[in-house]
Amino acid sequence: MPAIKTVGASGQISLGKEYAGRHVLVEQIEPGVWVIKVGDFIPENEKWLHRMGINKDLDEAIEWAEKNPPKPSNLDDLERRMDQ
């Protein structure tokens, strides 16, 4: 149902308490025309976690890390390897 809202002096519009704390996507279709959608959104830096097949890759990486605990590096040895 359409509703008339007034933009406050700070540039905000209240959508109502039922939307408090929710994420919304605000899309400007053209100047003065917006579409607001409620939903859950994935931050850009986390999108890779939602790719197809990534669970298998992550499980393998975790399994490897559990079997190969960190150990001190010998920097002299690493430098010799790089010189070869």
Protein backbone atom coordinates (compact mmCIF):
# COMPACT_ATOMS: atom_id res chain seq x y z
CA MET A 1 0.00 0.00 0.00
CA PRO A 2 1.46 3.39 -0.92
CA ALA A 3 2.39 5.75 1.91
CA ILE A 4 3.45 9.37 1.89
CA LYS A 5 6.59 10.01 3.94
CA THR A 6 8.42 13.27 4.62
CA VAL A 7 12.18 13.45 4.28
CA GLY A 8 13.53 14.96 7.49
CA ALA A 9 16.09 17.76 7.74
CA SER A 10 18.89 15.16 7.99
CA GLY A 11 17.76 13.49 4.75
CA GLN A 12 16.23 10.43 6.43
CA ILE A 13 12.93 8.64 5.89
CA SER A 14 11.41 6.36 8.53
CA LEU A 15 10.10 3.09 7.14
CA GLY A 16 8.61 1.98 10.46
CA LYS A 17 9.75 0.04 13.51
CA GLU A 18 9.08 -3.31 11.83
CA TYR A 19 12.13 -2.62 9.63
CA ALA A 20 14.43 -1.51 12.45
CA GLY A 21 17.83 -3.17 12.15
CA ARG A 22 17.01 -4.73 8.76
CA HIS A 23 19.11 -4.25 5.64
CA VAL A 24 17.52 -2.51 2.69
CA LEU A 25 18.66 -2.01 -0.87
CA VAL A 26 17.83 1.45 -2.17
CA GLU A 27 17.96 1.68 -5.94
CA GLN A 28 17.54 5.00 -7.70
CA ILE A 29 15.73 4.30 -10.96
CA GLU A 30 15.87 7.93 -12.04
CA PRO A 31 16.17 11.22 -10.13
CA GLY A 32 13.43 11.24 -7.51
CA VAL A 33 12.36 7.61 -8.11
CA TRP A 34 13.60 4.93 -5.71
CA VAL A 35 12.85 1.25 -5.23
CA ILE A 36 13.47 -0.04 -1.70
CA LYS A 37 13.88 -3.78 -1.13
CA VAL A 38 14.32 -5.51 2.23
CA GLY A 39 16.78 -8.39 2.22
CA ASP A 40 20.04 -9.93 3.31
CA PHE A 41 23.07 -8.76 1.36
CA ILE A 42 26.56 -10.11 0.99
CA PRO A 43 29.45 -7.65 1.37
CA GLU A 44 31.76 -7.47 -1.67
CA ASN A 45 34.73 -8.90 0.22
CA GLU A 46 32.70 -11.99 1.25
CA LYS A 47 31.15 -12.90 -2.10
CA TRP A 48 33.90 -15.42 -2.84
CA LEU A 49 32.59 -17.50 0.07
CA HIS A 50 29.33 -18.07 -1.84
CA ARG A 51 30.79 -19.37 -5.12
CA MET A 52 29.87 -22.86 -6.30
CA GLY A 53 32.26 -25.50 -4.97
CA ILE A 54 33.95 -23.23 -2.46
CA ASN A 55 32.84 -25.40 0.51
CA LYS A 56 34.93 -28.31 -0.78
CA ASP A 57 37.97 -26.04 -1.22
CA LEU A 58 37.55 -24.57 2.27
CA ASP A 59 37.12 -28.02 3.84
CA GLU A 60 40.33 -29.20 2.14
CA ALA A 61 42.23 -26.10 3.29
CA ILE A 62 41.04 -26.53 6.88
CA GLU A 63 41.95 -30.23 6.83
CA TRP A 64 45.45 -29.39 5.53
CA ALA A 65 45.93 -26.69 8.19
CA GLU A 66 44.89 -29.11 10.94
CA LYS A 67 47.45 -31.67 9.73
CA ASN A 68 50.20 -29.08 9.18
CA PRO A 69 50.49 -26.83 12.23
CA PRO A 70 52.59 -23.68 11.91
CA LYS A 71 56.27 -23.94 12.76
CA PRO A 72 59.11 -21.44 12.95
CA SER A 73 60.74 -20.52 9.65
CA ASN A 74 64.48 -20.65 9.10
CA LEU A 75 65.01 -17.39 7.22
CA ASP A 76 68.56 -18.30 6.18
CA ASP A 77 67.27 -21.52 4.60
CA LEU A 78 64.51 -19.64 2.78
CA GLU A 79 67.01 -17.10 1.46
CA ARG A 80 69.26 -19.90 0.15
CA ARG A 81 66.28 -21.46 -1.64
CA MET A 82 65.48 -18.18 -3.35
CA ASP A 83 69.05 -17.83 -4.58
CA GLN A 84 68.92 -21.22 -6.30
